[in-house]
Amino acid sequence: MSRLGTLGAKLYRGEVGYDFVGKRKFYYGLSVLITITAIVGLAVRGLNMGIEFQGGAVFTVPKSESSVSQIQEDAENASGHDAIVQELGNGTVRVQVSGLDVKQADQVKTALAEDLGVAENKIAADIVGPSWGEQIANKAWQGLAIFMILVVIYLAIAFEWRMAAAALIALIHDLTITVGVYALVGFEVTPGTVIGLLTILGYSLYDTVVVFDGLKDGGKDIAKQTRFTYSEMANRSLNGTLVRSINTTVVALLPVAGLLFIGGGVLGAGMLNDISLSLFVGLAAGAYSSIFIATPLVADFKEREPQMKALKKRVLAKRARGESPEDASPEHTDGAPQPAVAGPRRSGPAGKRR
């Protein structure tokens, strides 16, 4: 068995682990800091909305001796607006200028033909109205709202309302970070970006639901025992699915990283950035939130229940009396204690292990 497989088996059996739930306040603070940074970036820089949302014109210019920077300068001088220029695979150049009507687009087309030394009829011009983008945005918001409602209802029925609330907070966390990254890096927001944002919601929930399923099974008769508190049981469930969560996230991130860094960066296919950045950031944020946010939040919610408070009091009291040596903590991978170890143990008269 590989080292990763061996580690996964030990995590599943509770022989080793990391105290995610016990250190939740640190990760809550880190998440708040990241979220505030994203919100500040969104408020200060704003989103670079694509032409589909602002309206404007897209010119397809045939291959010429002019460089991309020169074409961009000519387009901006002719239109008075910022221009986005991208080289296409067939040697042509795509020039996108927002905020142009039909008359202004004709003027820019004529000016580009003169500056680049090409026939005006060789330049294709497409006018995009902002109403189409507004319709897409409205539909996206409606779809997002419906999705959130259905997720909360399903999780509340399949699990319980505390898990539904934790999952909803994690989803909002992921979306906020992704949108904030778009504002900070200045990537253009297009319909592809909207599709990417909606797509990551499912990925974000995947690991969360897997852990919640373990929590549901482990919490059925938890009040009838005195070995673990609810937080300790939640931490064990989280460690048991940790390697699987990491594996599925890495496998999902690899092709998206190829689109973002190779396709969009090295090969210059800038349009791939529209969807690949949202997928990449959203997948990473979703994996983080399922481990460090969603499950610890459920533990926090549950520990406030009178029944779980009473359980915690009994467990700690029993350990203080030295009556539960089988619950003593083994060594963790990080040196932190964990409440369970596989295998039988015995205790001496003074409560010490033999």
Protein backbone atom coordinates (compact mmCIF):
# COMPACT_ATOMS: atom_id res chain seq x y z
CA MET A 1 0.00 0.00 0.00
CA SER A 2 1.26 3.49 -0.82
CA ARG A 3 2.13 5.95 1.90
CA LEU A 4 -0.93 8.01 1.05
CA GLY A 5 -3.10 4.90 1.23
CA THR A 6 -1.57 3.94 4.57
CA LEU A 7 -2.16 7.43 5.92
CA GLY A 8 -5.75 7.33 4.68
CA ALA A 9 -6.34 4.02 6.47
CA LYS A 10 -4.88 5.38 9.70
CA LEU A 11 -7.00 8.52 9.44
CA TYR A 12 -10.10 6.41 8.86
CA ARG A 13 -9.39 4.20 11.89
CA GLY A 14 -8.65 7.21 14.08
CA GLU A 15 -5.02 6.22 14.73
CA VAL A 16 -3.74 9.57 13.52
CA GLY A 17 -5.46 12.81 12.66
CA TYR A 18 -5.52 16.57 12.79
CA ASP A 19 -7.62 18.56 15.22
CA PHE A 20 -9.60 20.61 12.66
CA VAL A 21 -12.53 21.24 14.96
CA GLY A 22 -10.39 22.08 17.97
CA LYS A 23 -8.53 24.75 16.00
CA ARG A 24 -11.63 26.11 14.32
CA LYS A 25 -11.31 29.62 15.74
CA PHE A 26 -8.03 30.10 13.88
CA TYR A 27 -9.58 29.00 10.59
CA TYR A 28 -12.68 31.09 11.21
CA GLY A 29 -10.43 34.12 11.62
CA LEU A 30 -8.47 33.23 8.48
CA SER A 31 -11.68 32.87 6.49
CA VAL A 32 -13.01 36.17 7.77
CA LEU A 33 -9.75 37.87 6.76
CA ILE A 34 -9.87 36.37 3.26
CA THR A 35 -13.54 37.27 2.86
CA ILE A 36 -12.96 40.87 3.98
CA THR A 37 -10.10 41.17 1.49
CA ALA A 38 -12.37 39.89 -1.27
CA ILE A 39 -15.16 42.32 -0.34
CA VAL A 40 -12.75 45.27 -0.16
CA GLY A 41 -11.32 44.33 -3.55
CA LEU A 42 -14.81 44.12 -4.97
CA ALA A 43 -15.76 47.51 -3.49
CA VAL A 44 -12.57 49.30 -4.55
CA ARG A 45 -11.80 47.79 -7.94
CA GLY A 46 -15.19 46.50 -8.95
CA LEU A 47 -15.78 43.83 -11.57
CA ASN A 48 -14.51 44.14 -15.10
CA MET A 49 -17.81 43.40 -16.79
CA GLY A 50 -17.60 42.01 -20.30
CA ILE A 51 -19.21 43.46 -23.37
CA GLU A 52 -22.16 41.11 -22.99
CA PHE A 53 -23.19 43.03 -19.86
CA GLN A 54 -22.20 46.57 -20.88
CA GLY A 55 -23.00 46.52 -24.58
CA GLY A 56 -20.57 47.52 -27.30
CA ALA A 57 -18.91 46.22 -30.44
CA VAL A 58 -16.61 43.35 -31.32
CA PHE A 59 -14.34 43.74 -34.36
CA THR A 60 -12.58 40.84 -36.03
CA VAL A 61 -9.52 42.27 -37.73
CA PRO A 62 -7.57 40.27 -40.34
CA LYS A 63 -3.89 39.59 -39.91
CA SER A 64 -1.73 42.66 -40.45
CA GLU A 65 1.76 43.93 -39.71
CA SER A 66 0.55 45.83 -36.66
CA SER A 67 1.21 44.39 -33.22
CA VAL A 68 -1.49 43.69 -30.66
CA SER A 69 -0.45 46.71 -28.59
CA GLN A 70 -0.61 48.95 -31.66
CA ILE A 71 -4.08 47.68 -32.58
CA GLN A 72 -5.24 48.29 -29.02
CA GLU A 73 -3.90 51.84 -29.10
CA ASP A 74 -5.57 52.54 -32.47
CA ALA A 75 -8.90 51.17 -31.23
CA GLU A 76 -8.80 53.23 -28.04
CA ASN A 77 -7.88 56.39 -29.92
CA ALA A 78 -10.70 55.86 -32.42
CA SER A 79 -13.37 55.00 -29.84
CA GLY A 80 -12.36 56.95 -26.76
CA HIS A 81 -12.98 53.79 -24.69
CA ASP A 82 -10.76 51.06 -23.33
CA ALA A 83 -10.25 48.19 -25.77
CA ILE A 84 -9.50 44.53 -25.16
CA VAL A 85 -7.48 42.88 -27.94
CA GLN A 86 -6.93 39.13 -28.26
CA GLU A 87 -5.13 37.11 -30.91
CA LEU A 88 -7.22 34.27 -32.30
CA GLY A 89 -5.95 30.93 -33.50
CA ASN A 90 -6.48 31.65 -37.21
CA GLY A 91 -4.21 34.69 -37.18
CA THR A 92 -7.01 37.24 -36.86
CA VAL A 93 -7.38 39.65 -33.97
CA ARG A 94 -10.46 40.24 -31.83
CA VAL A 95 -10.98 43.83 -30.73
CA GLN A 96 -13.63 44.42 -28.08
CA VAL A 97 -14.80 47.92 -27.19
CA SER A 98 -17.59 48.50 -24.66
CA GLY A 99 -20.14 51.29 -24.69
CA LEU A 100 -20.48 51.78 -28.46
CA ASP A 101 -23.69 52.14 -30.42
CA VAL A 102 -24.12 51.30 -34.11
CA LYS A 103 -23.01 54.73 -35.40
CA GLN A 104 -19.93 54.82 -33.19
CA ALA A 105 -19.03 51.27 -34.17
CA ASP A 106 -19.07 52.22 -37.85
CA GLN A 107 -16.74 55.12 -37.15
CA VAL A 108 -14.32 52.93 -35.22
CA LYS A 109 -14.39 50.32 -37.99
CA THR A 110 -13.47 52.93 -40.58
CA ALA A 111 -10.67 54.32 -38.40
CA LEU A 112 -9.25 50.85 -37.77
CA ALA A 113 -9.22 50.07 -41.49
CA GLU A 114 -7.27 53.25 -42.20
CA ASP A 115 -4.80 52.81 -39.34
CA LEU A 116 -4.12 49.15 -40.07
CA GLY A 117 -4.05 49.50 -43.84
CA VAL A 118 -6.74 46.90 -44.56
CA ALA A 119 -9.96 47.09 -46.52
CA GLU A 120 -12.91 48.14 -44.43
CA ASN A 121 -15.03 45.24 -45.71
CA LYS A 122 -12.41 42.83 -44.33
CA ILE A 123 -13.20 43.90 -40.77
CA ALA A 124 -16.24 42.17 -39.28
CA ALA A 125 -18.20 44.13 -36.68
CA ASP A 126 -20.78 42.71 -34.27
CA ILE A 127 -22.91 44.94 -32.06
CA VAL A 128 -23.90 43.57 -28.66
CA GLY A 129 -26.72 45.17 -26.68
CA PRO A 130 -26.50 45.31 -22.88
CA SER A 131 -30.05 43.95 -22.50
CA TRP A 132 -28.88 40.47 -23.45
CA GLY A 133 -26.28 40.49 -20.70
CA GLU A 134 -28.81 41.80 -18.21
CA GLN A 135 -31.12 38.90 -19.05
CA ILE A 136 -28.28 36.43 -18.48
CA ALA A 137 -27.38 38.08 -15.17
CA ASN A 138 -31.00 38.04 -13.99
CA LYS A 139 -31.41 34.40 -14.94
CA ALA A 140 -28.16 33.58 -13.16
CA TRP A 141 -29.31 35.29 -9.96
CA GLN A 142 -32.64 33.47 -10.16
CA GLY A 143 -30.90 30.16 -10.70
CA LEU A 144 -28.54 30.86 -7.79
CA ALA A 145 -31.42 31.73 -5.46
CA ILE A 146 -33.40 28.62 -6.45
CA PHE A 147 -30.29 26.46 -6.03
CA MET A 148 -29.61 27.82 -2.54
CA ILE A 149 -33.22 27.25 -1.46
CA LEU A 150 -33.26 23.69 -2.79
CA VAL A 151 -29.91 22.89 -1.14
CA VAL A 152 -31.09 24.15 2.23
CA ILE A 153 -34.37 22.20 1.97
CA TYR A 154 -32.64 19.00 0.89
CA LEU A 155 -29.94 19.12 3.58
CA ALA A 156 -32.49 19.99 6.24
CA ILE A 157 -34.55 16.93 5.26
CA ALA A 158 -31.68 14.51 4.61
CA PHE A 159 -29.62 15.63 7.61
CA GLU A 160 -30.78 18.52 9.82
CA TRP A 161 -31.14 22.29 9.72
CA ARG A 162 -27.78 22.91 11.43
CA MET A 163 -25.97 21.14 8.62
CA ALA A 164 -28.05 23.00 6.05
CA ALA A 165 -27.11 26.32 7.66
CA ALA A 166 -23.41 25.38 7.77
CA ALA A 167 -23.43 24.33 4.11
CA LEU A 168 -25.15 27.57 3.10
CA ILE A 169 -22.54 29.65 4.94
CA ALA A 170 -19.78 27.67 3.23
CA LEU A 171 -21.35 28.26 -0.20
CA ILE A 172 -21.62 32.01 0.39
CA HIS A 173 -18.01 31.97 1.57
CA ASP A 174 -16.88 30.26 -1.65
CA LEU A 175 -18.83 32.58 -3.94
CA THR A 176 -17.59 35.71 -2.15
CA ILE A 177 -13.96 34.65 -2.42
CA THR A 178 -14.30 33.74 -6.10
CA VAL A 179 -15.97 37.03 -7.04
CA GLY A 180 -13.40 38.94 -4.97
CA VAL A 181 -10.53 37.26 -6.81
CA TYR A 182 -12.08 38.34 -10.12
CA ALA A 183 -12.16 41.92 -8.87
CA LEU A 184 -8.56 41.80 -7.61
CA VAL A 185 -7.00 40.27 -10.74
CA GLY A 186 -9.20 42.26 -13.13
CA PHE A 187 -10.27 39.32 -15.29
CA GLU A 188 -13.25 40.01 -17.51
CA VAL A 189 -16.64 38.78 -16.33
CA THR A 190 -18.51 37.08 -19.17
CA PRO A 191 -21.40 34.61 -19.41
CA GLY A 192 -18.71 31.92 -19.16
CA THR A 193 -17.78 33.30 -15.76
CA VAL A 194 -21.39 33.05 -14.63
CA ILE A 195 -21.52 29.44 -15.79
CA GLY A 196 -18.31 28.72 -13.89
CA LEU A 197 -19.70 30.27 -10.71
CA LEU A 198 -22.84 28.16 -10.90
CA THR A 199 -20.80 25.04 -11.64
CA ILE A 200 -18.56 25.33 -8.59
CA LEU A 201 -21.53 25.21 -6.25
CA GLY A 202 -21.98 21.51 -6.88
CA TYR A 203 -18.28 20.81 -6.35
CA SER A 204 -18.33 22.87 -3.17
CA LEU A 205 -21.11 20.74 -1.73
CA TYR A 206 -19.66 17.36 -2.66
CA ASP A 207 -17.08 16.97 0.11
CA THR A 208 -19.34 18.72 2.59
CA VAL A 209 -22.16 16.23 2.06
CA VAL A 210 -19.74 13.29 2.34
CA VAL A 211 -18.57 14.47 5.76
CA PHE A 212 -22.13 15.29 6.84
CA ASP A 213 -23.15 11.73 6.04
CA GLY A 214 -20.48 10.50 8.43
CA LEU A 215 -21.65 12.98 11.05
CA LYS A 216 -25.21 11.75 10.69
CA ASP A 217 -24.19 8.13 11.26
CA GLY A 218 -21.83 8.94 14.12
CA GLY A 219 -24.31 11.17 15.90
CA LYS A 220 -27.25 8.74 16.05
CA ASP A 221 -26.60 7.37 19.53
CA ILE A 222 -23.84 9.71 20.63
CA ALA A 223 -25.73 10.84 23.74
CA LYS A 224 -25.81 7.22 25.01
CA GLN A 225 -22.02 6.93 25.34
CA THR A 226 -19.34 8.80 27.26
CA ARG A 227 -16.29 8.22 25.08
CA PHE A 228 -16.51 11.26 22.76
CA THR A 229 -18.05 14.69 22.69
CA TYR A 230 -19.87 15.74 19.53
CA SER A 231 -16.91 17.89 18.42
CA GLU A 232 -14.55 14.93 18.79
CA MET A 233 -16.85 12.68 16.81
CA ALA A 234 -17.12 15.37 14.09
CA ASN A 235 -13.36 15.64 13.95
CA ARG A 236 -13.01 11.87 13.54
CA SER A 237 -15.53 11.87 10.68
CA LEU A 238 -13.66 14.71 8.99
CA ASN A 239 -10.30 12.95 9.28
CA GLY A 240 -11.84 9.76 7.94
CA THR A 241 -12.74 11.46 4.63
CA LEU A 242 -9.73 13.79 4.45
CA VAL A 243 -7.62 11.84 1.95
CA ARG A 244 -10.62 11.25 -0.31
CA SER A 245 -11.42 14.96 -0.24
CA ILE A 246 -7.84 15.87 -1.14
CA ASN A 247 -7.70 13.31 -3.95
CA THR A 248 -10.96 14.40 -5.58
CA THR A 249 -10.02 18.08 -5.31
CA VAL A 250 -6.58 17.58 -6.86
CA VAL A 251 -7.99 15.50 -9.71
CA ALA A 252 -10.62 18.16 -10.40
CA LEU A 253 -8.10 21.02 -10.20
CA LEU A 254 -5.53 19.55 -12.61
CA PRO A 255 -7.52 19.93 -15.88
CA VAL A 256 -8.84 23.33 -14.77
CA ALA A 257 -5.28 24.46 -14.01
CA GLY A 258 -4.31 23.31 -17.51
CA LEU A 259 -7.02 25.51 -19.01
CA LEU A 260 -6.08 28.49 -16.86
CA PHE A 261 -2.28 28.46 -16.89
CA ILE A 262 -1.50 26.67 -20.15
CA GLY A 263 -4.46 27.56 -22.35
CA GLY A 264 -5.03 31.05 -21.03
CA GLY A 265 -1.49 31.96 -19.99
CA VAL A 266 1.04 30.21 -22.21
CA LEU A 267 -1.03 29.76 -25.37
CA GLY A 268 -2.76 33.12 -25.03
CA ALA A 269 -6.32 31.84 -25.36
CA GLY A 270 -7.64 34.57 -23.09
CA MET A 271 -11.27 33.55 -23.46
CA LEU A 272 -10.51 30.36 -21.52
CA ASN A 273 -9.81 32.52 -18.48
CA ASP A 274 -13.49 33.47 -18.29
CA ILE A 275 -14.57 30.10 -16.97
CA SER A 276 -11.30 28.49 -15.83
CA LEU A 277 -10.46 31.10 -13.17
CA SER A 278 -13.88 30.82 -11.53
CA LEU A 279 -13.62 27.02 -11.57
CA PHE A 280 -10.07 26.99 -10.20
CA VAL A 281 -10.69 29.43 -7.35
CA GLY A 282 -14.12 27.98 -6.60
CA LEU A 283 -12.85 24.39 -6.40
CA ALA A 284 -10.00 25.37 -4.09
CA ALA A 285 -12.28 27.49 -1.90
CA GLY A 286 -14.88 24.70 -1.82
CA ALA A 287 -12.35 22.14 -0.62
CA TYR A 288 -11.13 24.55 2.04
CA SER A 289 -14.61 25.43 3.29
CA SER A 290 -15.79 21.81 3.49
CA ILE A 291 -12.86 20.96 5.77
CA PHE A 292 -12.26 24.11 7.79
CA ILE A 293 -15.66 25.83 7.81
CA ALA A 294 -18.70 23.60 7.30
CA THR A 295 -17.96 20.75 9.72
CA PRO A 296 -16.60 22.95 12.55
CA LEU A 297 -19.72 25.13 12.20
CA VAL A 298 -21.95 22.08 12.63
CA ALA A 299 -19.98 21.13 15.74
CA ASP A 300 -20.42 24.65 17.11
CA PHE A 301 -24.17 24.56 16.47
CA LYS A 302 -24.59 21.11 18.01
CA GLU A 303 -22.48 21.84 21.09
CA ARG A 304 -24.98 24.56 22.03
CA GLU A 305 -27.75 22.01 22.48
CA PRO A 306 -28.52 21.11 26.11
CA GLN A 307 -28.15 17.41 25.34
CA MET A 308 -24.68 17.89 23.82
CA LYS A 309 -23.64 20.19 26.67
CA ALA A 310 -24.62 17.50 29.14
CA LEU A 311 -22.73 14.87 27.12
CA LYS A 312 -19.59 17.00 27.08
CA LYS A 313 -19.83 17.51 30.82
CA ARG A 314 -20.13 13.74 31.41
CA VAL A 315 -17.22 12.91 29.10
CA LEU A 316 -14.89 15.46 30.65
CA ALA A 317 -15.90 14.47 34.16
CA LYS A 318 -15.27 10.80 33.45
CA ARG A 319 -11.85 11.56 31.99
CA ALA A 320 -10.97 13.75 34.95
CA ARG A 321 -11.73 10.80 37.27
CA GLY A 322 -9.55 8.54 35.15
CA GLU A 323 -12.41 6.10 34.52
CA SER A 324 -12.10 5.96 30.71
CA PRO A 325 -8.51 5.07 29.83
CA GLU A 326 -9.69 3.60 26.53
CA ASP A 327 -10.43 7.17 25.44
CA ALA A 328 -6.95 8.50 26.12
CA SER A 329 -5.52 10.35 23.17
CA PRO A 330 -2.86 8.90 20.87
CA GLU A 331 -0.25 10.98 19.18
CA HIS A 332 -1.45 13.03 16.29
CA THR A 333 0.39 13.74 13.11
CA ASP A 334 0.71 17.28 14.36
CA GLY A 335 1.16 16.48 18.01
CA ALA A 336 -2.43 17.40 18.93
CA PRO A 337 -4.55 14.97 20.93
CA GLN A 338 -7.35 12.91 19.43
CA PRO A 339 -9.98 11.11 21.44
CA ALA A 340 -9.83 7.63 19.94
CA VAL A 341 -7.45 4.83 19.06
CA ALA A 342 -8.17 1.52 17.40
CA GLY A 343 -7.41 -1.65 19.33
CA PRO A 344 -8.05 -2.89 22.86
CA ARG A 345 -6.41 -1.29 25.87
CA ARG A 346 -6.22 -2.13 29.52
CA SER A 347 -5.73 -0.02 32.58
CA GLY A 348 -4.14 -0.69 35.90
CA PRO A 349 -5.54 0.07 39.31
CA ALA A 350 -4.34 3.66 39.13
CA GLY A 351 -5.88 4.20 35.69
CA LYS A 352 -2.53 3.87 33.87
CA ARG A 353 -2.05 1.93 30.68
CA ARG A 354 -0.25 -1.33 30.66
